[in-house]
Protein backbone atom coordinates (compact mmCIF):
# COMPACT_ATOMS: atom_id res chain seq x y z
CA MET A 1 196.76 29.35 127.93
CA GLY A 2 199.45 31.63 129.48
CA CYS A 3 202.05 28.56 130.24
CA VAL A 4 202.58 24.68 130.27
CA ILE A 5 205.01 23.06 131.87
CA ALA A 6 206.39 19.45 131.53
CA GLY A 7 207.96 18.19 134.76
CA GLY A 8 206.65 18.38 137.96
CA GLY A 9 210.13 18.34 139.89
CA PRO A 10 211.35 21.54 141.82
CA ALA A 11 211.49 23.78 139.54
CA GLY A 12 208.26 23.08 137.46
CA ALA A 13 206.28 22.94 140.51
CA MET A 14 207.81 26.05 141.86
CA LEU A 15 207.02 28.04 138.79
CA ALA A 16 203.55 26.95 138.31
CA LEU A 17 202.67 27.78 142.06
CA LEU A 18 204.42 31.49 141.44
CA LEU A 19 202.94 32.52 137.45
CA ALA A 20 198.99 30.57 138.98
CA ARG A 21 199.87 33.11 142.47
CA SER A 22 200.25 36.03 139.63
CA GLY A 23 197.30 35.42 137.72
CA VAL A 24 198.76 33.69 135.12
CA GLU A 25 196.86 30.45 133.65
CA VAL A 26 199.06 28.05 133.65
CA THR A 27 199.11 23.80 133.31
CA LEU A 28 201.25 21.35 135.16
CA LEU A 29 202.23 18.03 133.49
CA GLU A 30 203.94 14.97 135.74
CA LYS A 31 204.52 11.96 133.71
CA HIS A 32 204.08 9.58 137.19
CA GLY A 33 201.00 9.06 139.04
CA ASP A 34 202.30 10.61 142.24
CA PHE A 35 206.02 12.01 143.77
CA LEU A 36 206.62 8.96 145.45
CA ARG A 37 210.34 8.34 144.11
CA ASP A 38 212.81 7.21 146.74
CA PHE A 39 216.19 8.21 146.20
CA ARG A 40 215.63 11.77 145.24
CA GLY A 41 217.56 15.18 146.25
CA ASP A 42 215.79 16.38 149.42
CA THR A 43 218.13 19.07 150.91
CA ILE A 44 215.86 22.24 151.70
CA HIS A 45 219.01 24.92 152.11
CA PRO A 46 218.42 28.75 153.56
CA SER A 47 217.77 30.02 150.42
CA THR A 48 214.84 27.90 149.54
CA LEU A 49 213.19 28.34 152.94
CA GLN A 50 213.51 32.02 152.40
CA VAL A 51 211.50 31.83 149.62
CA LEU A 52 208.95 29.80 151.23
CA ASP A 53 208.69 32.14 153.68
CA GLU A 54 208.02 35.06 151.35
CA LEU A 55 205.24 32.92 150.15
CA GLY A 56 203.83 32.27 153.43
CA LEU A 57 204.36 28.95 153.39
CA ALA A 58 207.34 28.10 155.84
CA ARG A 59 204.93 27.37 159.15
CA GLU A 60 203.52 24.82 156.42
CA PHE A 61 206.64 23.36 155.35
CA LEU A 62 208.18 23.21 158.94
CA GLU A 63 204.94 21.00 160.25
CA LEU A 64 206.07 18.25 157.81
CA PRO A 65 208.12 16.22 159.27
CA HIS A 66 211.79 17.09 158.82
CA ARG A 67 215.38 16.85 160.43
CA LYS A 68 217.51 20.04 160.79
CA ALA A 69 221.45 20.43 160.03
CA TYR A 70 223.17 23.10 161.47
CA ASP A 71 226.43 21.75 161.11
CA LEU A 72 227.63 19.52 158.44
CA PHE A 73 230.17 16.55 159.35
CA LEU A 74 232.80 14.32 157.21
CA ALA A 75 233.51 11.42 159.07
CA THR A 76 236.97 9.74 158.63
CA ASP A 77 238.81 6.66 160.19
CA ARG A 78 240.27 8.91 162.99
CA GLY A 79 236.71 10.84 163.76
CA ASP A 80 234.35 13.32 163.15
CA VAL A 81 235.22 16.52 161.22
CA ARG A 82 233.44 19.52 160.85
CA ILE A 83 233.40 20.96 157.79
CA ALA A 84 230.79 23.97 157.98
CA SER A 85 228.56 25.25 160.14
CA LEU A 86 225.15 26.99 159.14
CA ARG A 87 224.51 28.76 162.47
CA ARG A 88 226.13 31.96 161.78
CA LEU A 89 224.39 32.92 158.46
CA PRO A 90 222.30 36.12 158.21
CA GLY A 91 218.20 35.73 158.18
CA ARG A 92 216.12 33.50 159.79
CA TYR A 93 217.48 29.99 158.50
CA ARG A 94 220.56 28.97 159.53
CA TYR A 95 219.87 25.00 159.07
CA VAL A 96 219.39 22.70 156.00
CA ALA A 97 216.18 21.05 156.31
CA PHE A 98 216.06 17.47 155.24
CA VAL A 99 212.54 16.54 154.00
CA PRO A 100 211.38 13.67 151.51
CA GLN A 101 211.03 15.72 148.29
CA TRP A 102 207.53 14.08 147.58
CA ASP A 103 206.17 15.93 151.14
CA PHE A 104 208.10 19.29 149.54
CA LEU A 105 206.02 18.63 146.29
CA ASP A 106 202.80 17.63 147.87
CA LEU A 107 203.08 21.36 149.53
CA ILE A 108 203.85 23.11 146.57
CA THR A 109 201.41 21.79 144.02
CA SER A 110 198.15 22.02 147.14
CA ALA A 111 199.65 25.29 147.37
CA ALA A 112 199.33 25.95 143.91
CA GLY A 113 195.78 24.65 143.77
CA ARG A 114 194.26 27.42 145.66
CA TYR A 115 194.64 29.43 142.73
CA PRO A 116 191.85 29.15 139.76
CA GLY A 117 194.50 29.51 137.23
CA PHE A 118 196.01 26.27 138.21
CA ARG A 119 195.83 22.61 136.75
CA LEU A 120 197.68 19.53 137.31
CA LEU A 121 197.69 16.87 135.28
CA MET A 122 199.24 13.54 136.47
CA ASN A 123 200.16 10.67 134.32
CA ALA A 124 200.82 12.89 131.69
CA GLU A 125 203.93 12.70 129.71
CA ALA A 126 204.99 15.27 127.61
CA HIS A 127 206.84 13.88 124.00
CA ASP A 128 206.68 16.52 121.50
CA LEU A 129 206.48 20.22 120.92
CA ILE A 130 203.94 22.24 118.93
CA ARG A 131 205.30 24.71 116.81
CA GLU A 132 203.95 27.38 114.53
CA GLY A 133 205.24 30.43 112.60
CA GLY A 134 209.04 29.34 113.74
CA ALA A 135 208.15 29.36 117.20
CA VAL A 136 206.94 26.98 120.31
CA ARG A 137 203.13 27.12 120.67
CA GLY A 138 202.88 23.97 123.04
CA LEU A 139 203.13 20.33 123.35
CA ARG A 140 201.77 17.18 122.72
CA TYR A 141 201.35 14.78 125.68
CA ARG A 142 200.19 11.06 126.58
CA ASP A 143 197.99 9.94 129.44
CA PRO A 144 196.11 6.14 130.02
CA SER A 145 193.49 7.98 127.93
CA GLY A 146 195.06 8.81 124.93
CA GLU A 147 197.15 11.72 123.15
CA HIS A 148 196.30 15.09 123.71
CA GLU A 149 198.21 19.04 122.94
CA ILE A 150 197.90 21.85 124.88
CA ARG A 151 198.72 24.89 123.11
CA ALA A 152 200.22 27.95 125.25
CA GLU A 153 201.99 31.47 124.86
CA LEU A 154 205.49 29.82 127.16
CA THR A 155 206.10 26.26 127.04
CA VAL A 156 208.87 25.44 129.96
CA ALA A 157 210.72 22.07 129.92
CA ALA A 158 211.65 21.17 133.70
CA ASP A 159 211.65 17.61 132.58
CA GLY A 160 214.86 16.69 134.19
CA ARG A 161 218.51 15.97 132.87
CA HIS A 162 217.67 13.58 130.34
CA SER A 163 214.50 16.19 128.96
CA VAL A 164 212.81 15.11 126.21
CA LEU A 165 211.58 18.52 125.36
CA ARG A 166 215.00 20.03 125.35
CA GLY A 167 215.94 17.60 122.85
CA ARG A 168 213.03 17.94 120.58
CA ALA A 169 213.92 22.11 120.50
CA GLY A 170 217.27 20.75 119.64
CA LEU A 171 219.12 22.12 122.60
CA VAL A 172 221.86 19.97 123.39
CA PRO A 173 224.02 20.50 126.75
CA GLN A 174 227.80 21.03 127.29
CA ASN A 175 228.94 17.55 129.58
CA LEU A 176 231.46 18.58 132.11
CA GLY A 177 232.32 15.48 133.72
CA ALA A 178 232.18 13.69 136.69
CA PRO A 179 234.44 11.06 138.17
CA MET A 180 231.70 9.47 140.38
CA ASP A 181 228.25 7.44 140.11
CA VAL A 182 225.97 6.98 143.06
CA VAL A 183 224.62 3.64 144.56
CA TRP A 184 221.56 4.28 146.75
CA PHE A 185 219.85 2.14 149.27
CA ARG A 186 218.36 1.82 152.26
CA LEU A 187 218.98 -0.07 156.02
CA PRO A 188 216.49 -0.06 159.18
CA ARG A 189 217.51 2.58 161.88
CA GLU A 190 218.03 1.82 165.37
CA PRO A 191 217.82 4.11 168.92
CA GLY A 192 221.58 3.54 169.20
CA ASP A 193 222.31 4.96 166.08
CA ARG A 194 224.18 8.07 165.69
CA ASP A 195 221.74 10.87 164.95
CA ASP A 196 222.97 13.18 162.13
CA THR A 197 223.61 12.95 158.49
CA PHE A 198 227.07 13.12 157.08
CA LEU A 199 229.49 12.25 154.95
CA ARG A 200 231.79 9.10 155.34
CA ILE A 201 235.14 8.94 153.76
CA SER A 202 237.93 6.33 153.47
CA PRO A 203 240.26 5.97 151.17
CA GLY A 204 239.00 4.20 148.16
CA HIS A 205 235.41 4.61 149.07
CA MET A 206 233.06 7.40 149.93
CA MET A 207 229.61 7.17 151.59
CA VAL A 208 226.59 9.70 152.63
CA ALA A 209 224.20 8.41 155.30
CA ILE A 210 220.80 10.58 155.68
CA ASN A 211 218.71 10.11 158.66
CA ARG A 212 215.53 9.00 157.81
CA GLU A 213 214.30 8.60 161.45
CA SER A 214 213.18 4.72 160.75
CA TYR A 215 215.37 4.15 157.99
CA TRP A 216 219.12 5.09 156.76
CA GLN A 217 219.18 6.33 153.22
CA LEU A 218 222.85 5.79 152.11
CA ALA A 219 224.79 6.63 149.05
CA TYR A 220 227.82 4.87 147.91
CA LEU A 221 229.96 6.73 145.52
CA ILE A 222 231.69 4.43 142.74
CA LEU A 223 233.78 5.47 139.80
CA LYS A 224 232.19 6.62 136.83
CA GLY A 225 230.93 3.45 135.07
CA GLY A 226 231.93 0.81 137.70
CA TYR A 227 228.46 -0.23 138.62
CA ASP A 228 228.00 -3.20 136.31
CA GLY A 229 231.93 -4.32 137.30
CA LEU A 230 230.19 -4.05 140.96
CA VAL A 231 227.29 -6.32 140.10
CA ARG A 232 229.65 -8.27 138.47
CA GLU A 233 231.67 -9.23 141.53
CA GLY A 234 228.35 -10.17 143.69
CA ILE A 235 226.41 -8.38 146.51
CA ASP A 236 228.93 -8.54 149.00
CA ALA A 237 231.17 -6.56 146.94
CA LEU A 238 228.80 -3.65 148.11
CA ARG A 239 228.30 -5.05 151.26
CA GLY A 240 231.45 -5.53 152.75
CA PRO A 241 232.38 -1.74 151.74
CA VAL A 242 229.20 -0.51 153.39
CA ALA A 243 230.01 -2.58 156.64
CA ALA A 244 233.42 -1.56 156.68
CA LEU A 245 232.31 2.06 156.74
CA LEU A 246 229.76 1.58 159.29
CA PRO A 247 230.63 -1.14 161.32
CA TRP A 248 227.31 -0.37 163.66
CA LEU A 249 225.27 -1.22 160.60
CA GLY A 250 226.99 -4.77 160.28
CA ASP A 251 224.37 -6.84 161.68
CA ARG A 252 221.56 -5.23 159.11
CA ILE A 253 223.90 -5.64 156.51
CA GLY A 254 222.08 -8.36 155.42
CA GLU A 255 218.73 -6.14 153.98
CA ILE A 256 221.01 -5.64 151.02
CA GLY A 257 219.68 -9.14 149.25
CA SER A 258 220.54 -8.39 145.93
CA TYR A 259 221.15 -5.42 143.37
CA ASP A 260 217.50 -5.15 142.97
CA ASP A 261 217.50 -3.47 145.97
CA VAL A 262 219.40 -0.61 144.81
CA SER A 263 218.89 2.09 142.78
CA VAL A 264 221.76 3.62 140.78
CA LEU A 265 222.30 7.29 139.98
CA THR A 266 224.61 8.33 136.90
CA VAL A 267 225.87 11.57 138.19
CA ALA A 268 226.69 14.33 135.35
CA ILE A 269 227.17 18.11 135.16
CA ASN A 270 226.07 19.41 132.17
CA ARG A 271 224.53 22.84 130.96
CA LEU A 272 222.81 24.26 127.79
CA ARG A 273 224.77 26.95 126.11
CA ARG A 274 221.12 28.64 125.17
CA TRP A 275 218.15 27.93 127.49
CA HIS A 276 215.59 28.73 125.27
CA ARG A 277 213.72 29.20 121.77
CA PRO A 278 211.10 31.40 120.75
CA GLY A 279 208.15 30.39 122.80
CA PHE A 280 210.00 27.63 124.99
CA LEU A 281 212.61 27.72 128.07
CA CYS A 282 214.30 25.20 130.06
CA VAL A 283 214.93 25.39 133.72
CA GLY A 284 216.64 23.44 136.71
CA ASP A 285 218.26 19.78 135.41
CA ALA A 286 216.66 20.34 131.94
CA ALA A 287 219.25 23.46 131.81
CA HIS A 288 221.56 22.60 134.15
CA ALA A 289 222.25 19.28 135.77
CA MET A 290 224.06 19.42 138.65
CA SER A 291 226.29 16.93 140.84
CA PRO A 292 225.53 16.05 144.53
CA VAL A 293 228.21 18.05 145.56
CA PHE A 294 226.86 20.25 147.93
CA GLY A 295 223.25 18.57 147.68
CA VAL A 296 222.38 21.77 145.95
CA GLY A 297 220.40 20.48 143.18
CA ILE A 298 216.60 21.09 144.71
CA ASN A 299 217.46 24.94 145.77
CA LEU A 300 218.69 25.62 142.00
CA ALA A 301 215.89 24.42 140.49
CA VAL A 302 213.83 26.97 143.00
CA GLN A 303 215.79 29.62 142.21
CA ASP A 304 215.58 29.49 138.70
CA ALA A 305 211.88 29.43 139.21
CA VAL A 306 211.77 32.46 140.75
CA ALA A 307 213.90 34.07 138.52
CA THR A 308 211.74 33.08 135.58
CA ALA A 309 208.20 34.03 137.34
CA ASN A 310 209.47 37.38 138.71
CA LEU A 311 210.67 38.60 134.71
CA LEU A 312 208.02 36.60 132.73
CA ALA A 313 204.80 36.50 135.10
CA GLY A 314 203.76 40.33 133.88
CA PRO A 315 204.06 39.44 130.11
CA LEU A 316 202.60 36.32 130.31
CA ALA A 317 199.79 38.22 132.39
CA SER A 318 199.01 40.60 129.26
CA GLY A 319 198.16 37.51 127.32
CA THR A 320 200.78 38.35 124.30
CA PRO A 321 203.78 36.06 123.24
CA VAL A 322 206.57 36.79 125.25
CA PRO A 323 209.48 37.56 123.44
CA GLU A 324 212.71 35.46 123.08
CA ALA A 325 214.18 38.37 124.72
CA ALA A 326 212.93 37.80 127.97
CA LEU A 327 213.43 34.41 127.83
CA HIS A 328 217.19 34.90 127.38
CA ARG A 329 216.85 37.55 130.38
CA VAL A 330 215.91 34.42 132.40
CA GLN A 331 219.28 33.03 131.24
CA ARG A 332 221.45 35.84 131.75
CA ARG A 333 220.37 35.74 135.29
CA ARG A 334 220.61 32.30 136.18
CA MET A 335 223.68 31.14 134.31
CA LEU A 336 226.24 32.77 136.52
CA PRO A 337 224.92 30.99 139.30
CA THR A 338 225.17 27.81 137.84
CA ARG A 339 228.63 28.20 136.36
CA VAL A 340 229.89 29.24 139.74
CA THR A 341 228.48 26.24 141.79
CA GLN A 342 229.53 23.54 138.71
CA ALA A 343 232.93 24.91 139.36
CA ALA A 344 232.76 24.38 143.07
CA GLN A 345 231.48 20.64 142.44
CA ARG A 346 234.05 19.84 139.55
CA LEU A 347 236.85 21.66 142.09
CA VAL A 348 235.31 19.31 144.96
CA GLN A 349 234.77 16.31 142.82
CA ASN A 350 238.60 16.58 141.53
CA LEU A 351 240.59 17.35 144.67
CA VAL A 352 238.20 15.02 146.70
CA ILE A 353 236.21 12.54 145.21
CA GLY A 354 237.83 11.46 142.62
CA PRO A 355 241.55 10.75 144.68
CA ALA A 356 239.18 9.35 147.57
CA LEU A 357 238.09 6.85 145.03
CA THR A 358 241.06 6.15 143.95
CA HIS A 359 242.95 5.74 147.17
CA ARG A 360 245.03 9.12 146.34
CA LEU A 361 243.29 10.74 149.66
CA ASP A 362 243.38 10.14 153.43
CA PRO A 363 241.49 12.82 155.02
CA SER A 364 242.29 11.51 158.30
CA GLY A 365 244.84 13.97 158.93
CA LEU A 366 242.41 16.67 158.75
CA PRO A 367 241.92 19.45 161.79
CA ARG A 368 239.33 18.37 163.62
CA ASP A 369 236.99 21.13 163.01
CA LEU A 370 237.37 23.36 159.89
CA THR A 371 234.84 25.84 160.46
CA ARG A 372 237.79 27.41 162.95
CA ILE A 373 239.95 28.74 159.88
CA PRO A 374 238.10 32.44 159.27
CA LEU A 375 237.95 31.87 155.31
CA LEU A 376 236.18 28.71 155.18
CA ASN A 377 233.76 29.64 158.20
CA ARG A 378 232.71 32.86 156.13
CA VAL A 379 232.64 31.78 152.45
CA ALA A 380 230.94 27.93 153.12
CA PRO A 381 228.24 28.80 154.87
CA ARG A 382 226.99 31.31 152.80
CA PHE A 383 227.72 29.41 149.60
CA ILE A 384 226.00 26.27 151.15
CA GLY A 385 223.17 28.01 152.60
CA HIS A 386 222.37 31.04 150.49
CA GLY A 387 224.16 29.79 146.94
CA VAL A 388 225.19 32.78 144.58
CA ARG A 389 222.68 35.26 143.81
CA PRO A 390 219.84 33.93 145.84
CA GLU A 391 216.66 35.03 144.65
CA HIS A 392 213.75 36.61 146.43
CA VAL A 393 209.81 36.42 145.44
CA THR A 394 209.34 40.10 143.82
CA VAL A 395 206.26 39.16 141.37
CA LYS A 396 203.03 40.31 143.59
CA GLU A 397 200.05 37.66 144.42
CA LEU A 398 196.78 38.55 142.29
């Protein structure tokens, strides 16, 4: 076996597709029985759209139910502020596409399934590593039939921010801090509602509203560690701020029956100092957990996968152990984008989110259109749309 990947999220699925496409035998393990989990990241940015284009999957992707956002808005107590426009980005894709992550993952794994070297194991939870001669040589996993193992020249941990395999490898991320957590829930959408996806800020409160056509997916930001206190105050402690922020949802607020109807994301920004051991590599959230700021989590994960395939498909296809120096090249390639993106996220957290949640910031006085500020108009769209060091598929299809 050339490669075994634990975790069927964006990083693991895209890496599996790219490796299988290049002739590498690869097995992808997903611990759940499907990809249908709500309240996951679903913003597909131009950098990822370009990767899909390079793989010949852009048309299939755009046939999925989706919404395009060409402009990004901040809703304040005094009206909307346009904070970025992607309309002048170079290239074909000048928007962010909002697509349920399960549809994106189904597309990627279905495309991988067209190659004979790809195998997808669902309900398969990786829980340990196989070590021989000082190197990782595969993993052990559980499924409904019992315990199993897979041996491989390269084992990849793409099993998320709480990565089990990362811990088994003795790799511990450095925590960089975040001032907030996120309470996710949904409310029905009606024809007279506004049409876009937007960020709502009022002193003491922040919320992201994502238009899902038939419903709103809503993310209410709270101070770090504040969820237990919110629960103790009762469900009206959540309903009240939501109704105040979005009064046109007031007639539907009762749909939040209890805290059983919400999901909580404990926000973390962290990264590994070292992403690899001999025969073992971490990518995506297993290597660097990202804040929801800018909505770039999927796109950083996809960029990790592209860089990994570009650098490692050749050695893996040869059937020999991958030198650790090659694994370090992946880390070196992707560390700069990780550091810069996390630094920008922390800046927004420190200057906007933290002050807004503690009543120290009122954005109502901002200009109505920040895109008229030349520097912001040049830098923000490229950072959001393409990121730092966007990757392109160079590994050939076999």
